PDB file of N, CA and C in Angstrom:
ATOM      1  N   UNK A   1       1.118  -1.350   0.057  1.00  0.00           N
ATOM      2  CA  UNK A   1       0.345  -0.301  -0.014  1.00  0.00           C
ATOM      3  C   UNK A   1       0.439   1.092   0.028  1.00  0.00           C
ATOM      4  N   UNK A   2      -0.098   2.677  -0.212  1.00  0.00           N
ATOM      5  CA  UNK A   2       0.632   3.824  -0.264  1.00  0.00           C
ATOM      6  C   UNK A   2       1.874   4.420   0.888  1.00  0.00           C
ATOM      7  N   UNK A   3       0.826   4.055   2.029  1.00  0.00           N
ATOM      8  CA  UNK A   3       1.645   4.001   3.485  1.00  0.00           C
ATOM      9  C   UNK A   3       2.223   3.002   3.978  1.00  0.00           C
ATOM     10  N   UNK A   4       2.527   1.808   3.403  1.00  0.00           N
ATOM     11  CA  UNK A   4       3.479   0.735   3.801  1.00  0.00           C
ATOM     12  C   UNK A   4       4.523   1.260   3.912  1.00  0.00           C
ATOM     13  N   UNK A   5       5.259   1.878   2.560  1.00  0.00           N
ATOM     14  CA  UNK A   5       7.009   2.550   2.640  1.00  0.00           C
ATOM     15  C   UNK A   5       7.275   3.202   3.430  1.00  0.00           C
ATOM     16  N   UNK A   6       5.906   4.693   3.633  1.00  0.00           N
ATOM     17  CA  UNK A   6       5.994   5.313   5.670  1.00  0.00           C
ATOM     18  C   UNK A   6       6.774   4.463   6.459  1.00  0.00           C
ATOM     19  N   UNK A   7       5.547   3.599   6.281  1.00  0.00           N
ATOM     20  CA  UNK A   7       5.392   2.675   7.622  1.00  0.00           C
ATOM     21  C   UNK A   7       6.912   1.736   8.097  1.00  0.00           C
ATOM     22  N   UNK A   8       7.363   1.345   7.270  1.00  0.00           N
ATOM     23  CA  UNK A   8       8.428   1.091   6.930  1.00  0.00           C
ATOM     24  C   UNK A   8       9.534   1.568   6.862  1.00  0.00           C
ATOM     25  N   UNK A   9       9.545   2.911   6.617  1.00  0.00           N
ATOM     26  CA  UNK A   9      10.868   3.365   7.732  1.00  0.00           C
ATOM     27  C   UNK A   9      12.073   3.440   8.879  1.00  0.00           C
ATOM     28  N   UNK A  10      10.605   3.287  10.047  1.00  0.00           N
ATOM     29  CA  UNK A  10      11.141   3.236  11.521  1.00  0.00           C
ATOM     30  C   UNK A  10      10.694   1.966  12.041  1.00  0.00           C
ATOM     31  N   UNK A  11      11.079   1.334  12.770  1.00  0.00           N
ATOM     32  CA  UNK A  11      10.934  -0.236  13.493  1.00  0.00           C
ATOM     33  C   UNK A  11      11.938   0.025  14.670  1.00  0.00           C
ATOM     34  N   UNK A  12      10.296   0.618  15.918  1.00  0.00           N
ATOM     35  CA  UNK A  12      10.583   0.361  16.874  1.00  0.00           C
ATOM     36  C   UNK A  12      10.188  -0.958  17.683  1.00  0.00           C
ATOM     37  N   UNK A  13      11.543  -0.747  18.641  1.00  0.00           N
ATOM     38  CA  UNK A  13      10.965  -2.945  19.779  1.00  0.00           C
ATOM     39  C   UNK A  13      11.660  -1.808  21.267  1.00  0.00           C
ATOM     40  N   UNK A  14      10.595  -2.325  21.697  1.00  0.00           N
ATOM     41  CA  UNK A  14      10.852  -1.884  23.421  1.00  0.00           C
ATOM     42  C   UNK A  14      10.911  -3.708  24.689  1.00  0.00           C
ATOM     43  N   UNK A  15      10.568  -4.284  23.441  1.00  0.00           N
ATOM     44  CA  UNK A  15      10.829  -5.313  24.297  1.00  0.00           C
ATOM     45  C   UNK A  15       9.565  -6.224  24.014  1.00  0.00           C
ATOM     46  N   UNK A  16       9.492  -7.457  25.069  1.00  0.00           N
ATOM     47  CA  UNK A  16       8.215  -8.770  24.550  1.00  0.00           C
ATOM     48  C   UNK A  16       6.682  -8.353  24.910  1.00  0.00           C
ATOM     49  N   UNK A  17       5.486  -7.599  24.510  1.00  0.00           N
ATOM     50  CA  UNK A  17       4.821  -7.721  24.680  1.00  0.00           C
ATOM     51  C   UNK A  17       4.329  -8.638  25.313  1.00  0.00           C
ATOM     52  N   UNK A  18       4.351  -7.612  26.817  1.00  0.00           N
ATOM     53  CA  UNK A  18       3.952  -8.469  28.063  1.00  0.00           C
ATOM     54  C   UNK A  18       2.569  -8.755  28.258  1.00  0.00           C
ATOM     55  N   UNK A  19       1.418  -8.051  27.463  1.00  0.00           N
ATOM     56  CA  UNK A  19      -0.169  -7.793  28.263  1.00  0.00           C
ATOM     57  C   UNK A  19      -0.135  -7.913  26.616  1.00  0.00           C
ATOM     58  N   UNK A  20      -0.155  -8.902  26.031  1.00  0.00           N
ATOM     59  CA  UNK A  20      -0.010  -9.367  24.549  1.00  0.00           C
ATOM     60  C   UNK A  20      -2.274  -9.621  24.225  1.00  0.00           C
ATOM     61  N   UNK A  21      -2.299 -10.400  25.271  1.00  0.00           N
ATOM     62  CA  UNK A  21      -4.149 -10.947  25.689  1.00  0.00           C
ATOM     63  C   UNK A  21      -4.566  -9.732  26.290  1.00  0.00           C
ATOM     64  N   UNK A  22      -4.796  -8.615  26.738  1.00  0.00           N
ATOM     65  CA  UNK A  22      -5.120  -7.909  27.231  1.00  0.00           C
ATOM     66  C   UNK A  22      -6.018  -7.160  26.071  1.00  0.00           C
ATOM     67  N   UNK A  23      -7.447  -6.298  26.098  1.00  0.00           N
ATOM     68  CA  UNK A  23      -7.688  -5.002  25.078  1.00  0.00           C
ATOM     69  C   UNK A  23      -7.107  -3.806  25.433  1.00  0.00           C
ATOM     70  N   UNK A  24      -7.367  -3.774  24.417  1.00  0.00           N
ATOM     71  CA  UNK A  24      -7.042  -1.530  24.535  1.00  0.00           C
ATOM     72  C   UNK A  24      -6.706  -1.305  25.215  1.00  0.00           C
ATOM     73  N   UNK A  25      -8.091  -0.871  24.769  1.00  0.00           N
ATOM     74  CA  UNK A  25      -9.372  -0.412  26.015  1.00  0.00           C
ATOM     75  C   UNK A  25      -8.158  -0.579  27.747  1.00  0.00           C
ATOM     76  N   UNK A  26      -7.857  -1.162  28.173  1.00  0.00           N
ATOM     77  CA  UNK A  26      -7.971  -2.022  29.440  1.00  0.00           C
ATOM     78  C   UNK A  26      -6.364  -1.219  28.929  1.00  0.00           C
ATOM     79  N   UNK A  27      -5.283  -2.184  28.542  1.00  0.00           N
ATOM     80  CA  UNK A  27      -4.463  -1.808  29.568  1.00  0.00           C
ATOM     81  C   UNK A  27      -3.837  -0.097  29.301  1.00  0.00           C
ATOM     82  N   UNK A  28      -4.635   0.399  27.783  1.00  0.00           N
ATOM     83  CA  UNK A  28      -4.805   2.235  28.329  1.00  0.00           C
ATOM     84  C   UNK A  28      -4.629   2.669  29.550  1.00  0.00           C
ATOM     85  N   UNK A  29      -5.614   1.928  29.956  1.00  0.00           N
ATOM     86  CA  UNK A  29      -6.510   2.016  31.684  1.00  0.00           C
ATOM     87  C   UNK A  29      -6.006   1.787  33.027  1.00  0.00           C
ATOM     88  N   UNK A  30      -5.198   0.584  33.210  1.00  0.00           N
ATOM     89  CA  UNK A  30      -3.900   0.211  33.330  1.00  0.00           C
ATOM     90  C   UNK A  30      -2.391   1.531  33.372  1.00  0.00           C
ATOM     91  N   UNK A  31      -1.980   2.612  32.139  1.00  0.00           N
ATOM     92  CA  UNK A  31      -0.595   2.295  32.236  1.00  0.00           C
ATOM     93  C   UNK A  31      -0.763   3.637  32.955  1.00  0.00           C
ATOM     94  N   UNK A  32      -1.374   3.684  33.898  1.00  0.00           N
ATOM     95  CA  UNK A  32      -0.714   5.133  34.756  1.00  0.00           C
ATOM     96  C   UNK A  32      -0.283   3.475  35.785  1.00  0.00           C
ATOM     97  N   UNK A  33      -1.005   2.763  35.524  1.00  0.00           N
ATOM     98  CA  UNK A  33      -0.145   1.753  37.201  1.00  0.00           C
ATOM     99  C   UNK A  33       1.054   0.803  36.166  1.00  0.00           C
ATOM    100  N   UNK A  34       0.654   0.447  35.206  1.00  0.00           N
ATOM    101  CA  UNK A  34       2.005  -0.595  34.895  1.00  0.00           C
ATOM    102  C   UNK A  34       2.569   0.198  33.340  1.00  0.00           C
ATOM    103  N   UNK A  35       3.851  -0.305  33.383  1.00  0.00           N
ATOM    104  CA  UNK A  35       4.637   0.644  31.924  1.00  0.00           C
ATOM    105  C   UNK A  35       4.047  -0.557  31.376  1.00  0.00           C
ATOM    106  N   UNK A  36       4.483  -0.230  30.351  1.00  0.00           N
ATOM    107  CA  UNK A  36       3.265  -1.369  29.254  1.00  0.00           C
ATOM    108  C   UNK A  36       3.918  -0.837  27.663  1.00  0.00           C
ATOM    109  N   UNK A  37       5.556  -0.977  27.249  1.00  0.00           N
ATOM    110  CA  UNK A  37       6.315  -0.780  25.805  1.00  0.00           C
ATOM    111  C   UNK A  37       6.026  -1.640  25.035  1.00  0.00           C
ATOM    112  N   UNK A  38       4.721  -2.061  24.219  1.00  0.00           N
ATOM    113  CA  UNK A  38       3.845  -2.390  23.370  1.00  0.00           C
ATOM    114  C   UNK A  38       2.947  -1.190  23.397  1.00  0.00           C
ATOM    115  N   UNK A  39       2.179  -0.747  24.468  1.00  0.00           N
ATOM    116  CA  UNK A  39       1.464   0.018  24.588  1.00  0.00           C
ATOM    117  C   UNK A  39       1.961   2.237  23.650  1.00  0.00           C
ATOM    118  N   UNK A  40       2.944   2.120  24.571  1.00  0.00           N
ATOM    119  CA  UNK A  40       4.289   2.620  23.606  1.00  0.00           C
ATOM    120  C   UNK A  40       4.247   2.960  22.764  1.00  0.00           C
ATOM    121  N   UNK A  41       5.213   1.477  22.413  1.00  0.00           N
ATOM    122  CA  UNK A  41       5.286   1.006  20.884  1.00  0.00           C
ATOM    123  C   UNK A  41       3.515   1.659  19.535  1.00  0.00           C
ATOM    124  N   UNK A  42       2.954   1.704  20.172  1.00  0.00           N
ATOM    125  CA  UNK A  42       1.962   1.180  19.168  1.00  0.00           C
ATOM    126  C   UNK A  42       1.015   2.627  18.987  1.00  0.00           C
ATOM    127  N   UNK A  43       1.151   3.866  20.128  1.00  0.00           N
ATOM    128  CA  UNK A  43       0.281   4.951  20.399  1.00  0.00           C
ATOM    129  C   UNK A  43       1.777   5.804  19.106  1.00  0.00           C
ATOM    130  N   UNK A  44       2.628   5.918  19.389  1.00  0.00           N
ATOM    131  CA  UNK A  44       4.156   5.859  18.488  1.00  0.00           C
ATOM    132  C   UNK A  44       3.313   5.588  17.070  1.00  0.00           C
ATOM    133  N   UNK A  45       3.823   4.465  16.758  1.00  0.00           N
ATOM    134  CA  UNK A  45       2.603   4.603  15.438  1.00  0.00           C
ATOM    135  C   UNK A  45       1.677   4.846  15.025  1.00  0.00           C
ATOM    136  N   UNK A  46       1.568   4.672  15.664  1.00  0.00           N
ATOM    137  CA  UNK A  46      -0.835   5.699  15.858  1.00  0.00           C
ATOM    138  C   UNK A  46       0.129   7.151  15.183  1.00  0.00           C
ATOM    139  N   UNK A  47       0.863   7.782  16.217  1.00  0.00           N
ATOM    140  CA  UNK A  47       1.198   9.174  15.196  1.00  0.00           C
ATOM    141  C   UNK A  47       2.132   9.353  13.743  1.00  0.00           C
ATOM    142  N   UNK A  48       2.207   8.501  13.278  1.00  0.00           N
ATOM    143  CA  UNK A  48       3.191   8.246  12.313  1.00  0.00           C
ATOM    144  C   UNK A  48       1.870   7.833  11.562  1.00  0.00           C
ATOM    145  N   UNK A  49       1.356   6.827  12.324  1.00  0.00           N
ATOM    146  CA  UNK A  49      -0.064   7.172  10.996  1.00  0.00           C
ATOM    147  C   UNK A  49      -1.372   8.260  10.482  1.00  0.00           C
ATOM    148  N   UNK A  50      -0.990   8.849  11.571  1.00  0.00           N
ATOM    149  CA  UNK A  50      -2.180   9.999  11.617  1.00  0.00           C
ATOM    150  C   UNK A  50      -1.097  11.420  10.915  1.00  0.00           C
ATOM    151  N   UNK A  51       0.406  11.086  10.941  1.00  0.00           N
ATOM    152  CA  UNK A  51       0.613  12.127  10.557  1.00  0.00           C
ATOM    153  C   UNK A  51       0.678  11.633   8.898  1.00  0.00           C
ATOM    154  N   UNK A  52       0.945   9.994   8.324  1.00  0.00           N
ATOM    155  CA  UNK A  52       1.142  10.117   6.941  1.00  0.00           C
ATOM    156  C   UNK A  52      -0.786   9.975   6.428  1.00  0.00           C
ATOM    157  N   UNK A  53      -1.078   9.752   6.667  1.00  0.00           N
ATOM    158  CA  UNK A  53      -2.460   9.955   6.828  1.00  0.00           C
ATOM    159  C   UNK A  53      -2.876  11.552   5.891  1.00  0.00           C
ATOM    160  N   UNK A  54      -2.557  12.483   7.246  1.00  0.00           N
ATOM    161  CA  UNK A  54      -3.208  14.115   6.861  1.00  0.00           C
ATOM    162  C   UNK A  54      -1.787  14.932   5.547  1.00  0.00           C
ATOM    163  N   UNK A  55      -1.052  14.062   5.841  1.00  0.00           N
ATOM    164  CA  UNK A  55       0.654  14.938   4.221  1.00  0.00           C
ATOM    165  C   UNK A  55       0.314  14.082   3.868  1.00  0.00           C
ATOM    166  N   UNK A  56      -0.397  13.773   2.828  1.00  0.00           N
ATOM    167  CA  UNK A  56       0.036  13.214   0.964  1.00  0.00           C
ATOM    168  C   UNK A  56       0.028  14.135   0.237  1.00  0.00           C
ATOM    169  N   UNK A  57       0.696  14.934  -1.278  1.00  0.00           N
ATOM    170  CA  UNK A  57       0.349  15.260  -2.243  1.00  0.00           C
ATOM    171  C   UNK A  57      -0.666  15.451  -2.806  1.00  0.00           C
ATOM    172  N   UNK A  58      -1.155  16.178  -2.782  1.00  0.00           N
ATOM    173  CA  UNK A  58      -3.025  16.951  -2.460  1.00  0.00           C
ATOM    174  C   UNK A  58      -3.380  17.223  -1.937  1.00  0.00           C
ATOM    175  N   UNK A  59      -3.402  16.808  -1.484  1.00  0.00           N
ATOM    176  CA  UNK A  59      -4.055  16.857   0.681  1.00  0.00           C
ATOM    177  C   UNK A  59      -4.283  17.471   1.062  1.00  0.00           C
ATOM    178  N   UNK A  60      -4.822  17.895   1.890  1.00  0.00           N
ATOM    179  CA  UNK A  60      -4.514  18.637   2.868  1.00  0.00           C
ATOM    180  C   UNK A  60      -3.329  18.807   4.571  1.00  0.00           C
ATOM    181  N   UNK A  61      -2.993  19.944   4.962  1.00  0.00           N
ATOM    182  CA  UNK A  61      -1.831  19.679   5.640  1.00  0.00           C
ATOM    183  C   UNK A  61      -3.132  18.816   7.416  1.00  0.00           C
ATOM    184  N   UNK A  62      -2.309  18.057   8.077  1.00  0.00           N
ATOM    185  CA  UNK A  62      -2.788  17.468   9.673  1.00  0.00           C
ATOM    186  C   UNK A  62      -2.885  19.395   9.592  1.00  0.00           C
ATOM    187  N   UNK A  63      -4.599  19.595  10.583  1.00  0.00           N
ATOM    188  CA  UNK A  63      -4.599  20.458  11.303  1.00  0.00           C
ATOM    189  C   UNK A  63      -4.619  20.617  12.925  1.00  0.00           C
ATOM    190  N   UNK A  64      -4.789  21.406  13.873  1.00  0.00           N
ATOM    191  CA  UNK A  64      -4.798  21.521  15.338  1.00  0.00           C
ATOM    192  C   UNK A  64      -5.717  19.707  15.519  1.00  0.00           C
ATOM    193  N   UNK A  65      -6.742  19.233  14.887  1.00  0.00           N
ATOM    194  CA  UNK A  65      -7.891  18.214  15.530  1.00  0.00           C
ATOM    195  C   UNK A  65      -7.954  17.627  14.434  1.00  0.00           C
ATOM    196  N   UNK A  66      -7.440  17.447  13.124  1.00  0.00           N
ATOM    197  CA  UNK A  66      -7.521  16.529  12.144  1.00  0.00           C
ATOM    198  C   UNK A  66      -9.032  16.011  11.874  1.00  0.00           C
ATOM    199  N   UNK A  67      -8.993  15.128  10.066  1.00  0.00           N
ATOM    200  CA  UNK A  67     -10.118  14.902  10.067  1.00  0.00           C
ATOM    201  C   UNK A  67     -10.767  14.102  10.598  1.00  0.00           C
ATOM    202  N   UNK A  68     -10.443  13.339  11.772  1.00  0.00           N
ATOM    203  CA  UNK A  68     -11.026  12.218  12.494  1.00  0.00           C
ATOM    204  C   UNK A  68     -11.510  12.452  13.774  1.00  0.00           C
ATOM    205  N   UNK A  69     -11.771  14.388  13.910  1.00  0.00           N
ATOM    206  CA  UNK A  69     -12.448  14.487  14.900  1.00  0.00           C
ATOM    207  C   UNK A  69     -13.848  14.177  14.788  1.00  0.00           C
ATOM    208  N   UNK A  70     -14.729  13.855  15.809  1.00  0.00           N
ATOM    209  CA  UNK A  70     -16.222  13.519  15.760  1.00  0.00           C
ATOM    210  C   UNK A  70     -17.165  14.433  16.317  1.00  0.00           C
ATOM    211  N   UNK A  71     -16.208  15.566  17.616  1.00  0.00           N
ATOM    212  CA  UNK A  71     -17.590  16.589  16.995  1.00  0.00           C
ATOM    213  C   UNK A  71     -17.502  17.542  16.657  1.00  0.00           C
ATOM    214  N   UNK A  72     -18.699  17.476  16.648  1.00  0.00           N
ATOM    215  CA  UNK A  72     -19.974  18.921  16.374  1.00  0.00           C
ATOM    216  C   UNK A  72     -19.504  20.910  16.446  1.00  0.00           C
ATOM    217  N   UNK A  73     -18.112  20.729  17.743  1.00  0.00           N
ATOM    218  CA  UNK A  73     -17.356  21.865  17.607  1.00  0.00           C
ATOM    219  C   UNK A  73     -16.840  21.777  17.853  1.00  0.00           C
ATOM    220  N   UNK A  74     -15.418  20.722  17.489  1.00  0.00           N
ATOM    221  CA  UNK A  74     -14.580  20.474  17.418  1.00  0.00           C
ATOM    222  C   UNK A  74     -13.708  22.221  18.313  1.00  0.00           C
ATOM    223  N   UNK A  75     -13.215  21.750  19.416  1.00  0.00           N
ATOM    224  CA  UNK A  75     -11.763  22.544  20.299  1.00  0.00           C
ATOM    225  C   UNK A  75     -11.149  23.625  18.502  1.00  0.00           C
ATOM    226  N   UNK A  76     -10.601  24.432  18.807  1.00  0.00           N
ATOM    227  CA  UNK A  76     -10.029  25.709  17.943  1.00  0.00           C
ATOM    228  C   UNK A  76     -10.161  25.561  16.856  1.00  0.00           C
ATOM    229  N   UNK A  77     -12.117  25.064  16.553  1.00  0.00           N
ATOM    230  CA  UNK A  77     -12.954  24.806  15.597  1.00  0.00           C
ATOM    231  C   UNK A  77     -12.232  24.139  14.713  1.00  0.00           C
ATOM    232  N   UNK A  78     -11.336  23.127  14.608  1.00  0.00           N
ATOM    233  CA  UNK A  78     -10.844  22.161  14.173  1.00  0.00           C
ATOM    234  C   UNK A  78      -9.575  22.885  12.913  1.00  0.00           C
ATOM    235  N   UNK A  79      -9.641  24.770  12.973  1.00  0.00           N
ATOM    236  CA  UNK A  79      -8.417  25.564  11.797  1.00  0.00           C
ATOM    237  C   UNK A  79      -7.575  24.463  11.030  1.00  0.00           C
ATOM    238  N   UNK A  80      -7.500  24.708  10.507  1.00  0.00           N
ATOM    239  CA  UNK A  80      -6.323  25.218  10.161  1.00  0.00           C
ATOM    240  C   UNK A  80      -5.101  26.628  10.368  1.00  0.00           C
ATOM    241  N   UNK A  81      -4.697  26.987  10.220  1.00  0.00           N
ATOM    242  CA  UNK A  81      -3.819  28.440  11.070  1.00  0.00           C
ATOM    243  C   UNK A  81      -2.665  28.478  10.751  1.00  0.00           C
ATOM    244  N   UNK A  82      -2.728  29.871  10.424  1.00  0.00           N
ATOM    245  CA  UNK A  82      -1.275  30.109  10.438  1.00  0.00           C
ATOM    246  C   UNK A  82      -0.059  30.551  11.418  1.00  0.00           C
ATOM    247  N   UNK A  83       0.034  29.623  11.701  1.00  0.00           N
ATOM    248  CA  UNK A  83       1.123  30.251  13.581  1.00  0.00           C
ATOM    249  C   UNK A  83       1.337  28.705  13.929  1.00  0.00           C
ATOM    250  N   UNK A  84       1.831  29.182  15.043  1.00  0.00           N
ATOM    251  CA  UNK A  84       2.684  28.021  15.838  1.00  0.00           C
ATOM    252  C   UNK A  84       2.470  26.796  15.452  1.00  0.00           C
ATOM    253  N   UNK A  85       1.071  26.754  14.942  1.00  0.00           N
ATOM    254  CA  UNK A  85       0.270  25.517  15.257  1.00  0.00           C
ATOM    255  C   UNK A  85       0.689  24.863  14.754  1.00  0.00           C
ATOM    256  N   UNK A  86       0.849  25.184  13.751  1.00  0.00           N
ATOM    257  CA  UNK A  86       1.628  24.157  12.008  1.00  0.00           C
ATOM    258  C   UNK A  86       2.291  23.897  12.070  1.00  0.00           C
ATOM    259  N   UNK A  87       3.394  24.435  12.257  1.00  0.00           N
ATOM    260  CA  UNK A  87       4.921  24.083  12.706  1.00  0.00           C
ATOM    261  C   UNK A  87       4.563  22.959  13.342  1.00  0.00           C
ATOM    262  N   UNK A  88       3.731  22.518  14.294  1.00  0.00           N
ATOM    263  CA  UNK A  88       4.025  22.034  15.824  1.00  0.00           C
ATOM    264  C   UNK A  88       3.193  20.844  15.231  1.00  0.00           C
ATOM    265  N   UNK A  89       2.612  20.655  14.001  1.00  0.00           N
ATOM    266  CA  UNK A  89       2.599  19.573  14.212  1.00  0.00           C
ATOM    267  C   UNK A  89       3.317  18.265  13.297  1.00  0.00           C
ATOM    268  N   UNK A  90       4.413  19.056  12.285  1.00  0.00           N
ATOM    269  CA  UNK A  90       4.789  18.425  11.174  1.00  0.00           C
ATOM    270  C   UNK A  90       6.307  18.117  12.838  1.00  0.00           C
ATOM    271  N   UNK A  91       7.111  18.873  13.497  1.00  0.00           N
ATOM    272  CA  UNK A  91       7.756  17.797  14.170  1.00  0.00           C
ATOM    273  C   UNK A  91       8.232  17.150  15.168  1.00  0.00           C
ATOM    274  N   UNK A  92       7.750  16.232  14.721  1.00  0.00           N
ATOM    275  CA  UNK A  92       8.097  15.166  14.895  1.00  0.00           C
ATOM    276  C   UNK A  92       7.848  15.152  13.516  1.00  0.00           C
ATOM    277  N   UNK A  93       7.492  14.257  12.209  1.00  0.00           N
ATOM    278  CA  UNK A  93       7.973  14.363  11.099  1.00  0.00           C
ATOM    279  C   UNK A  93       9.501  13.808  10.939  1.00  0.00           C
ATOM    280  N   UNK A  94      10.946  15.180  10.982  1.00  0.00           N
ATOM    281  CA  UNK A  94      12.058  14.152  11.252  1.00  0.00           C
ATOM    282  C   UNK A  94      12.187  13.318  11.998  1.00  0.00           C
ATOM    283  N   UNK A  95      12.459  13.385  13.182  1.00  0.00           N
ATOM    284  CA  UNK A  95      12.899  12.263  14.633  1.00  0.00           C
ATOM    285  C   UNK A  95      12.281  10.812  14.081  1.00  0.00           C
ATOM    286  N   UNK A  96      10.948  10.244  12.841  1.00  0.00           N
ATOM    287  CA  UNK A  96      10.267   9.452  12.965  1.00  0.00           C
ATOM    288  C   UNK A  96      10.536   9.182  10.698  1.00  0.00           C
ATOM    289  N   UNK A  97      11.134   9.775  11.088  1.00  0.00           N
ATOM    290  CA  UNK A  97      11.283   8.917   8.696  1.00  0.00           C
ATOM    291  C   UNK A  97      10.435   9.188   9.042  1.00  0.00           C
ATOM    292  N   UNK A  98       9.584  10.524   8.308  1.00  0.00           N
ATOM    293  CA  UNK A  98       8.682  10.877   7.676  1.00  0.00           C
ATOM    294  C   UNK A  98       9.386  12.386   7.570  1.00  0.00           C
ATOM    295  N   UNK A  99      10.405  12.857   7.170  1.00  0.00           N
ATOM    296  CA  UNK A  99      10.228  15.068   7.273  1.00  0.00           C
ATOM    297  C   UNK A  99       9.721  14.614   4.728  1.00  0.00           C
ATOM    298  N   UNK A 100       9.189  12.627   3.818  1.00  0.00           N
ATOM    299  CA  UNK A 100       9.221  13.567   3.114  1.00  0.00           C
ATOM    300  C   UNK A 100       8.331  12.563   3.116  1.00  0.00           C
ATOM    301  N   UNK A 101       7.164  12.725   2.524  1.00  0.00           N
ATOM    302  CA  UNK A 101       6.233  11.818   2.398  1.00  0.00           C
ATOM    303  C   UNK A 101       5.491  11.986   1.069  1.00  0.00           C
ATOM    304  N   UNK A 102       5.938  12.290   0.037  1.00  0.00           N
ATOM    305  CA  UNK A 102       5.291  12.034  -1.405  1.00  0.00           C
ATOM    306  C   UNK A 102       5.904  10.503  -1.975  1.00  0.00           C
TER     307      UNK A 102
END
């Protein structure tokens, strides 16, 4: 897929998945008490996924809330802003090997 070539640029492994049988919602709930390295890996890759999907040539850039926002009246109105917020959306791109998504 178009997206696989971007996802495959980084392989993050923080160790064995100790909680493989635990549903994700429970893993998130338990995270305050238990270090779940696989959940950290998953969240890292999820952030990359969102940036890849919102930053394709010919598409719209990432904004403050994203196209996935399910609110009728989202924070900041889900606007595109020409200030530091726009730049901040792309700060992780360099360190996650996504500086070029074309």
